Amino acid sequence: MNIGIIIHSHTGHTLSVAEKLQDELLKTGHSARIERVSAINEDPSSAKNIQLKTAPDIKDYDRLIIGAPVRGFSLSSVMEEYLSQLTSLKDKKIDCFVTQAFPYPWMGGNRSINQMKDICEAKDGKVYKKGIINWSHKNRDKKIADLVENFKKSE
C-alpha cells in the first residue's frame, strides 16, 4: 500500500511521531512517505491569513495519515487551511493524529482531532483511526508506541 504521511509540524513533535510511523510502516512492506505542509506565515496570530508554502499532492496515495499540532485548543491553522484546499478525499483511507503540549486530551486534543475528522469527511474521506499525543504526559513514549502500533494495523 502506498501511504502518504501528511503533516504540519512547528516544533518537531508531530514530525517525530510521523518518523516513527514511517519506520514501522516500511518494516511491514508498505511504501510510506512523509510530506510536510508549511506556510509562508506560521505566526499563530495571523491564523486567518495563512498562505501555504508547501501543499502535498495526495492523488497517488492509497492511504493517508494526517498529523498536526494543536494550536490554541484547535487544529493548527496551517493544516486546517491545507485540508480546506483539497478538492476531494473520496476513496482515501485516512487515519489522523494530533500532538499537543498539554497532558490531557480534553485540553484541545479532542477538539482538534474532531475538527480534522470533520473536514476530511466533508470532503468524502473516510477516517478510520484517530490518536492524540499529549507531549507533557508522563507516559508519552508509551502513547506514541501505542499509536504507531494501532495505525500500523490499519488497512
N, C-alpha and C. Protein backbone atom coordinates (compact mmCIF):
# COMPACT_ATOMS: atom_id res chain seq x y z
N MET A 1 0.84 -1.17 0.00
CA MET A 1 0.00 0.00 0.00
C MET A 1 0.89 1.24 0.00
N ASN A 2 0.51 2.23 -0.76
CA ASN A 2 1.25 3.48 -0.86
C ASN A 2 0.63 4.48 0.12
N ILE A 3 1.38 4.83 1.16
CA ILE A 3 0.86 5.64 2.26
C ILE A 3 1.55 7.00 2.29
N GLY A 4 0.75 8.05 2.30
CA GLY A 4 1.26 9.41 2.47
C GLY A 4 1.04 9.85 3.89
N ILE A 5 2.12 10.22 4.55
CA ILE A 5 2.04 10.76 5.91
C ILE A 5 2.16 12.27 5.76
N ILE A 6 1.03 12.93 5.81
CA ILE A 6 0.94 14.36 5.54
C ILE A 6 0.89 15.09 6.88
N ILE A 7 1.91 15.92 7.14
CA ILE A 7 1.97 16.55 8.46
C ILE A 7 2.27 18.05 8.37
N HIS A 8 1.83 18.74 9.40
CA HIS A 8 2.33 20.08 9.70
C HIS A 8 3.00 19.94 11.06
N SER A 9 4.25 20.35 11.15
CA SER A 9 4.98 20.26 12.41
C SER A 9 5.72 21.57 12.63
N HIS A 10 5.40 22.22 13.72
CA HIS A 10 6.03 23.50 14.02
C HIS A 10 7.25 23.33 14.93
N THR A 11 7.12 22.50 15.96
CA THR A 11 8.21 22.32 16.92
C THR A 11 9.03 21.06 16.68
N GLY A 12 8.52 20.17 15.83
CA GLY A 12 9.20 18.90 15.57
C GLY A 12 8.55 17.72 16.26
N HIS A 13 7.60 17.96 17.16
CA HIS A 13 6.94 16.85 17.86
C HIS A 13 6.11 16.00 16.91
N THR A 14 5.32 16.65 16.07
CA THR A 14 4.49 15.91 15.11
C THR A 14 5.37 15.16 14.12
N LEU A 15 6.46 15.80 13.70
CA LEU A 15 7.40 15.14 12.78
C LEU A 15 8.00 13.90 13.42
N SER A 16 8.36 13.95 14.70
CA SER A 16 8.97 12.79 15.35
C SER A 16 8.00 11.61 15.40
N VAL A 17 6.73 11.87 15.63
CA VAL A 17 5.73 10.80 15.61
C VAL A 17 5.60 10.24 14.19
N ALA A 18 5.57 11.14 13.20
CA ALA A 18 5.47 10.72 11.80
C ALA A 18 6.65 9.84 11.40
N GLU A 19 7.83 10.16 11.86
CA GLU A 19 9.02 9.37 11.52
C GLU A 19 8.93 7.98 12.11
N LYS A 20 8.41 7.86 13.33
CA LYS A 20 8.23 6.54 13.94
C LYS A 20 7.19 5.73 13.15
N LEU A 21 6.12 6.38 12.74
CA LEU A 21 5.11 5.72 11.92
C LEU A 21 5.71 5.23 10.61
N GLN A 22 6.46 6.10 9.95
CA GLN A 22 7.06 5.75 8.67
C GLN A 22 7.98 4.54 8.84
N ASP A 23 8.84 4.55 9.85
CA ASP A 23 9.76 3.43 10.07
C ASP A 23 9.01 2.11 10.21
N GLU A 24 7.96 2.10 11.01
CA GLU A 24 7.21 0.86 11.23
C GLU A 24 6.45 0.42 9.98
N LEU A 25 5.89 1.37 9.25
CA LEU A 25 5.17 1.01 8.03
C LEU A 25 6.11 0.45 6.97
N LEU A 26 7.30 0.99 6.87
CA LEU A 26 8.29 0.47 5.92
C LEU A 26 8.70 -0.95 6.29
N LYS A 27 8.81 -1.23 7.59
CA LYS A 27 9.18 -2.57 8.05
C LYS A 27 8.13 -3.61 7.68
N THR A 28 6.88 -3.17 7.55
CA THR A 28 5.80 -4.10 7.22
C THR A 28 5.58 -4.22 5.71
N GLY A 29 6.46 -3.59 4.92
CA GLY A 29 6.40 -3.75 3.48
C GLY A 29 5.60 -2.70 2.73
N HIS A 30 5.11 -1.70 3.43
CA HIS A 30 4.37 -0.63 2.77
C HIS A 30 5.35 0.40 2.23
N SER A 31 4.87 1.17 1.29
CA SER A 31 5.59 2.35 0.84
C SER A 31 5.01 3.51 1.66
N ALA A 32 5.85 4.22 2.38
CA ALA A 32 5.37 5.31 3.24
C ALA A 32 6.29 6.51 3.09
N ARG A 33 5.68 7.65 2.83
CA ARG A 33 6.47 8.86 2.62
C ARG A 33 5.89 10.01 3.45
N ILE A 34 6.77 10.71 4.16
CA ILE A 34 6.36 11.89 4.91
C ILE A 34 6.40 13.09 3.98
N GLU A 35 5.31 13.83 3.97
CA GLU A 35 5.25 15.08 3.22
C GLU A 35 4.77 16.17 4.17
N ARG A 36 5.49 17.29 4.15
CA ARG A 36 5.18 18.36 5.10
C ARG A 36 4.38 19.48 4.47
N VAL A 37 3.40 19.93 5.21
CA VAL A 37 2.63 21.11 4.87
C VAL A 37 3.29 22.27 5.61
N SER A 38 3.56 23.35 4.91
CA SER A 38 4.14 24.51 5.59
C SER A 38 3.51 25.79 5.03
N ALA A 39 3.66 26.85 5.79
CA ALA A 39 3.08 28.13 5.39
C ALA A 39 4.17 29.19 5.33
N ILE A 40 3.91 30.18 4.52
CA ILE A 40 4.81 31.33 4.45
C ILE A 40 4.76 32.08 5.77
N ASN A 41 3.58 32.18 6.33
CA ASN A 41 3.36 32.89 7.59
C ASN A 41 2.78 31.93 8.63
N GLU A 42 3.61 31.41 9.50
CA GLU A 42 3.15 30.45 10.51
C GLU A 42 2.88 31.09 11.86
N ASP A 43 2.81 32.39 11.91
CA ASP A 43 2.53 33.10 13.14
C ASP A 43 1.09 32.81 13.56
N PRO A 44 0.89 32.22 14.75
CA PRO A 44 -0.48 31.89 15.18
C PRO A 44 -1.40 33.10 15.24
N SER A 45 -0.86 34.30 15.43
CA SER A 45 -1.72 35.49 15.49
C SER A 45 -2.26 35.88 14.11
N SER A 46 -1.68 35.32 13.05
CA SER A 46 -2.18 35.61 11.70
C SER A 46 -2.90 34.40 11.11
N ALA A 47 -3.55 33.63 11.96
CA ALA A 47 -4.19 32.38 11.54
C ALA A 47 -5.24 32.57 10.46
N LYS A 48 -5.82 33.72 10.36
CA LYS A 48 -6.86 33.96 9.35
C LYS A 48 -6.27 34.24 7.97
N ASN A 49 -4.98 34.52 7.90
CA ASN A 49 -4.34 34.90 6.63
C ASN A 49 -3.24 33.93 6.21
N ILE A 50 -3.46 32.65 6.43
CA ILE A 50 -2.45 31.63 6.12
C ILE A 50 -2.27 31.53 4.61
N GLN A 51 -1.01 31.55 4.19
CA GLN A 51 -0.65 31.29 2.80
C GLN A 51 0.30 30.10 2.81
N LEU A 52 -0.10 29.04 2.14
CA LEU A 52 0.71 27.82 2.15
C LEU A 52 1.93 27.96 1.26
N LYS A 53 3.04 27.45 1.78
CA LYS A 53 4.28 27.39 1.00
C LYS A 53 4.39 26.02 0.34
N THR A 54 4.07 24.96 1.08
CA THR A 54 4.05 23.61 0.53
C THR A 54 2.71 22.95 0.82
N ALA A 55 2.15 22.33 -0.20
CA ALA A 55 0.85 21.65 -0.09
C ALA A 55 0.96 20.34 -0.87
N PRO A 56 1.26 19.24 -0.19
CA PRO A 56 1.47 17.96 -0.87
C PRO A 56 0.27 17.50 -1.70
N ASP A 57 0.59 16.92 -2.84
CA ASP A 57 -0.41 16.31 -3.71
C ASP A 57 -0.67 14.90 -3.21
N ILE A 58 -1.91 14.55 -2.99
CA ILE A 58 -2.25 13.25 -2.39
C ILE A 58 -2.77 12.22 -3.39
N LYS A 59 -2.86 12.57 -4.65
CA LYS A 59 -3.56 11.71 -5.62
C LYS A 59 -2.96 10.31 -5.75
N ASP A 60 -1.67 10.14 -5.54
CA ASP A 60 -1.05 8.83 -5.74
C ASP A 60 -1.06 7.94 -4.50
N TYR A 61 -1.61 8.44 -3.40
CA TYR A 61 -1.62 7.65 -2.17
C TYR A 61 -2.93 6.88 -2.01
N ASP A 62 -2.80 5.61 -1.57
CA ASP A 62 -3.95 4.78 -1.27
C ASP A 62 -4.51 5.10 0.11
N ARG A 63 -3.63 5.48 0.99
CA ARG A 63 -3.98 5.75 2.38
C ARG A 63 -3.25 6.99 2.83
N LEU A 64 -3.91 7.77 3.68
CA LEU A 64 -3.29 8.96 4.24
C LEU A 64 -3.26 8.86 5.75
N ILE A 65 -2.15 9.30 6.31
CA ILE A 65 -2.07 9.53 7.74
C ILE A 65 -1.79 11.03 7.86
N ILE A 66 -2.69 11.73 8.52
CA ILE A 66 -2.59 13.17 8.62
C ILE A 66 -2.29 13.54 10.06
N GLY A 67 -1.24 14.34 10.26
CA GLY A 67 -0.86 14.73 11.61
C GLY A 67 -0.59 16.22 11.70
N ALA A 68 -0.94 16.79 12.85
CA ALA A 68 -0.75 18.22 13.05
C ALA A 68 -0.72 18.54 14.55
N PRO A 69 -0.17 19.69 14.89
CA PRO A 69 -0.20 20.11 16.29
C PRO A 69 -1.52 20.79 16.63
N VAL A 70 -1.78 20.83 17.92
CA VAL A 70 -2.89 21.62 18.46
C VAL A 70 -2.33 23.02 18.70
N ARG A 71 -3.05 24.02 18.24
CA ARG A 71 -2.65 25.41 18.45
C ARG A 71 -3.84 26.16 19.03
N GLY A 72 -3.68 26.70 20.22
CA GLY A 72 -4.78 27.47 20.84
C GLY A 72 -6.04 26.65 21.02
N PHE A 73 -5.90 25.40 21.45
CA PHE A 73 -7.01 24.48 21.70
C PHE A 73 -7.77 24.09 20.42
N SER A 74 -7.18 24.32 19.25
CA SER A 74 -7.79 23.98 17.97
C SER A 74 -6.74 23.36 17.05
N LEU A 75 -7.22 22.81 15.96
CA LEU A 75 -6.34 22.27 14.94
C LEU A 75 -5.44 23.38 14.39
N SER A 76 -4.20 23.06 14.16
CA SER A 76 -3.26 24.01 13.55
C SER A 76 -3.91 24.68 12.35
N SER A 77 -3.86 26.00 12.31
CA SER A 77 -4.49 26.74 11.20
C SER A 77 -3.82 26.41 9.87
N VAL A 78 -2.56 26.03 9.89
CA VAL A 78 -1.87 25.65 8.65
C VAL A 78 -2.47 24.36 8.10
N MET A 79 -2.68 23.37 8.96
CA MET A 79 -3.29 22.11 8.50
C MET A 79 -4.74 22.34 8.11
N GLU A 80 -5.44 23.16 8.86
CA GLU A 80 -6.83 23.46 8.53
C GLU A 80 -6.93 24.09 7.13
N GLU A 81 -6.02 25.00 6.82
CA GLU A 81 -6.01 25.64 5.51
C GLU A 81 -5.68 24.62 4.41
N TYR A 82 -4.70 23.77 4.67
CA TYR A 82 -4.34 22.75 3.69
C TYR A 82 -5.52 21.84 3.39
N LEU A 83 -6.15 21.31 4.44
CA LEU A 83 -7.27 20.39 4.24
C LEU A 83 -8.43 21.08 3.54
N SER A 84 -8.66 22.34 3.85
CA SER A 84 -9.76 23.05 3.21
C SER A 84 -9.51 23.26 1.71
N GLN A 85 -8.26 23.29 1.30
CA GLN A 85 -7.93 23.49 -0.11
C GLN A 85 -8.02 22.21 -0.94
N LEU A 86 -8.06 21.06 -0.29
CA LEU A 86 -8.19 19.80 -1.03
C LEU A 86 -9.58 19.73 -1.65
N THR A 87 -9.65 19.31 -2.88
CA THR A 87 -10.96 19.26 -3.54
C THR A 87 -11.75 18.03 -3.12
N SER A 88 -11.08 16.90 -2.92
CA SER A 88 -11.80 15.68 -2.56
C SER A 88 -10.86 14.69 -1.87
N LEU A 89 -11.42 13.94 -0.96
CA LEU A 89 -10.70 12.83 -0.32
C LEU A 89 -11.43 11.51 -0.60
N LYS A 90 -12.26 11.52 -1.62
CA LYS A 90 -13.04 10.34 -1.98
C LYS A 90 -12.11 9.15 -2.25
N ASP A 91 -12.51 8.00 -1.71
CA ASP A 91 -11.78 6.73 -1.87
C ASP A 91 -10.44 6.71 -1.12
N LYS A 92 -10.21 7.66 -0.22
CA LYS A 92 -8.97 7.66 0.57
C LYS A 92 -9.25 7.09 1.95
N LYS A 93 -8.42 6.16 2.36
CA LYS A 93 -8.44 5.66 3.73
C LYS A 93 -7.60 6.63 4.54
N ILE A 94 -8.13 7.11 5.64
CA ILE A 94 -7.46 8.16 6.39
C ILE A 94 -7.38 7.81 7.87
N ASP A 95 -6.21 8.03 8.45
CA ASP A 95 -6.01 8.00 9.90
C ASP A 95 -5.47 9.37 10.27
N CYS A 96 -5.83 9.86 11.45
CA CYS A 96 -5.44 11.20 11.86
C CYS A 96 -4.85 11.18 13.27
N PHE A 97 -3.87 12.07 13.49
CA PHE A 97 -3.37 12.26 14.85
C PHE A 97 -3.00 13.72 15.06
N VAL A 98 -3.04 14.12 16.32
CA VAL A 98 -2.58 15.45 16.71
C VAL A 98 -1.62 15.30 17.87
N THR A 99 -0.72 16.28 17.97
CA THR A 99 0.17 16.38 19.12
C THR A 99 -0.17 17.67 19.84
N GLN A 100 -0.11 17.62 21.16
CA GLN A 100 -0.42 18.81 21.94
C GLN A 100 0.50 18.90 23.14
N ALA A 101 0.75 20.11 23.60
CA ALA A 101 1.65 20.33 24.73
C ALA A 101 1.03 19.89 26.04
N PHE A 102 -0.27 20.09 26.17
CA PHE A 102 -0.94 19.80 27.44
C PHE A 102 -1.07 18.30 27.69
N PRO A 103 -1.19 17.91 28.98
CA PRO A 103 -1.16 16.49 29.31
C PRO A 103 -2.46 15.71 29.09
N TYR A 104 -3.58 16.40 28.82
CA TYR A 104 -4.85 15.70 28.72
C TYR A 104 -5.57 16.03 27.41
N PRO A 105 -6.20 15.04 26.79
CA PRO A 105 -6.87 15.25 25.50
C PRO A 105 -7.95 16.33 25.54
N TRP A 106 -8.63 16.50 26.67
CA TRP A 106 -9.70 17.48 26.74
C TRP A 106 -9.17 18.91 26.71
N MET A 107 -7.87 19.08 26.71
CA MET A 107 -7.26 20.42 26.67
C MET A 107 -6.91 20.83 25.24
N GLY A 108 -7.79 20.52 24.30
CA GLY A 108 -7.60 20.92 22.91
C GLY A 108 -7.44 19.75 21.95
N GLY A 109 -6.93 18.65 22.43
CA GLY A 109 -6.70 17.49 21.56
C GLY A 109 -7.98 16.92 20.98
N ASN A 110 -8.99 16.72 21.83
CA ASN A 110 -10.26 16.17 21.36
C ASN A 110 -10.89 17.08 20.31
N ARG A 111 -10.90 18.36 20.58
CA ARG A 111 -11.50 19.31 19.64
C ARG A 111 -10.74 19.29 18.31
N SER A 112 -9.41 19.29 18.38
CA SER A 112 -8.59 19.34 17.17
C SER A 112 -8.76 18.10 16.31
N ILE A 113 -8.76 16.94 16.94
CA ILE A 113 -8.88 15.70 16.17
C ILE A 113 -10.27 15.61 15.53
N ASN A 114 -11.28 16.11 16.23
CA ASN A 114 -12.63 16.12 15.65
C ASN A 114 -12.75 17.13 14.52
N GLN A 115 -12.05 18.27 14.62
CA GLN A 115 -12.02 19.22 13.51
C GLN A 115 -11.41 18.56 12.27
N MET A 116 -10.30 17.86 12.47
CA MET A 116 -9.62 17.20 11.36
C MET A 116 -10.55 16.16 10.72
N LYS A 117 -11.17 15.35 11.55
CA LYS A 117 -12.09 14.31 11.06
C LYS A 117 -13.24 14.94 10.29
N ASP A 118 -13.83 15.99 10.83
CA ASP A 118 -14.98 16.64 10.19
C ASP A 118 -14.60 17.20 8.82
N ILE A 119 -13.44 17.84 8.72
CA ILE A 119 -13.01 18.39 7.43
C ILE A 119 -12.80 17.26 6.42
N CYS A 120 -12.13 16.18 6.85
CA CYS A 120 -11.88 15.05 5.95
C CYS A 120 -13.18 14.42 5.47
N GLU A 121 -14.12 14.22 6.38
CA GLU A 121 -15.38 13.58 6.00
C GLU A 121 -16.25 14.50 5.15
N ALA A 122 -16.12 15.81 5.33
CA ALA A 122 -16.86 16.76 4.47
C ALA A 122 -16.35 16.71 3.03
N LYS A 123 -15.13 16.18 2.85
CA LYS A 123 -14.54 16.05 1.52
C LYS A 123 -14.63 14.60 1.03
N ASP A 124 -15.57 13.84 1.60
CA ASP A 124 -15.85 12.45 1.22
C ASP A 124 -14.76 11.46 1.60
N GLY A 125 -13.89 11.82 2.55
CA GLY A 125 -12.89 10.89 3.05
C GLY A 125 -13.49 10.04 4.16
N LYS A 126 -12.88 8.91 4.42
CA LYS A 126 -13.33 8.03 5.50
C LYS A 126 -12.20 7.93 6.52
N VAL A 127 -12.44 8.46 7.72
CA VAL A 127 -11.45 8.42 8.79
C VAL A 127 -11.67 7.15 9.60
N TYR A 128 -10.62 6.34 9.69
CA TYR A 128 -10.71 5.06 10.40
C TYR A 128 -10.18 5.16 11.82
N LYS A 129 -8.98 5.69 11.98
CA LYS A 129 -8.38 5.73 13.31
C LYS A 129 -7.93 7.14 13.62
N LYS A 130 -7.99 7.47 14.93
CA LYS A 130 -7.58 8.78 15.40
C LYS A 130 -6.69 8.60 16.63
N GLY A 131 -5.80 9.55 16.83
CA GLY A 131 -4.95 9.49 18.01
C GLY A 131 -4.52 10.86 18.46
N ILE A 132 -4.30 10.98 19.77
CA ILE A 132 -3.86 12.23 20.37
C ILE A 132 -2.62 11.93 21.20
N ILE A 133 -1.55 12.65 20.93
CA ILE A 133 -0.33 12.51 21.73
C ILE A 133 -0.18 13.75 22.59
N ASN A 134 -0.23 13.55 23.89
CA ASN A 134 -0.09 14.63 24.86
C ASN A 134 1.38 14.72 25.26
N TRP A 135 2.06 15.74 24.77
CA TRP A 135 3.51 15.81 24.87
C TRP A 135 4.02 15.88 26.30
N SER A 136 3.29 16.50 27.20
CA SER A 136 3.78 16.61 28.58
C SER A 136 3.24 15.50 29.49
N HIS A 137 2.57 14.51 28.92
CA HIS A 137 2.07 13.38 29.71
C HIS A 137 3.24 12.48 30.10
N LYS A 138 3.20 11.97 31.31
CA LYS A 138 4.32 11.15 31.81
C LYS A 138 4.51 9.86 31.00
N ASN A 139 3.46 9.36 30.36
CA ASN A 139 3.56 8.13 29.56
C ASN A 139 3.60 8.42 28.06
N ARG A 140 4.14 9.56 27.67
CA ARG A 140 4.15 9.97 26.27
C ARG A 140 4.76 8.90 25.35
N ASP A 141 5.90 8.35 25.70
CA ASP A 141 6.56 7.38 24.84
C ASP A 141 5.70 6.14 24.61
N LYS A 142 5.02 5.69 25.65
CA LYS A 142 4.12 4.54 25.50
C LYS A 142 2.94 4.91 24.62
N LYS A 143 2.40 6.11 24.79
CA LYS A 143 1.28 6.56 23.97
C LYS A 143 1.67 6.64 22.49
N ILE A 144 2.89 7.09 22.22
CA ILE A 144 3.38 7.14 20.84
C ILE A 144 3.50 5.72 20.29
N ALA A 145 4.09 4.83 21.08
CA ALA A 145 4.25 3.43 20.64
C ALA A 145 2.89 2.78 20.38
N ASP A 146 1.91 3.06 21.23
CA ASP A 146 0.56 2.51 21.05
C ASP A 146 -0.08 3.06 19.77
N LEU A 147 0.07 4.35 19.53
CA LEU A 147 -0.48 4.96 18.31
C LEU A 147 0.15 4.33 17.07
N VAL A 148 1.46 4.19 17.09
CA VAL A 148 2.17 3.60 15.95
C VAL A 148 1.68 2.18 15.71
N GLU A 149 1.57 1.40 16.76
CA GLU A 149 1.10 0.02 16.62
C GLU A 149 -0.32 -0.03 16.08
N ASN A 150 -1.19 0.82 16.61
CA ASN A 150 -2.58 0.88 16.17
C ASN A 150 -2.68 1.29 14.69
N PHE A 151 -1.95 2.32 14.30
CA PHE A 151 -2.01 2.79 12.91
C PHE A 151 -1.34 1.80 11.96
N LYS A 152 -0.36 1.10 12.44
CA LYS A 152 0.34 0.10 11.61
C LYS A 152 -0.62 -1.01 11.20
N LYS A 153 -1.57 -1.32 12.04
CA LYS A 153 -2.54 -2.39 11.76
C LYS A 153 -3.67 -1.95 10.86
N SER A 154 -3.81 -0.66 10.64
CA SER A 154 -4.93 -0.14 9.87
C SER A 154 -4.81 -0.55 8.40
N GLU A 155 -5.85 -1.10 7.87
CA GLU A 155 -5.86 -1.49 6.45
C GLU A 155 -7.13 -1.04 5.79
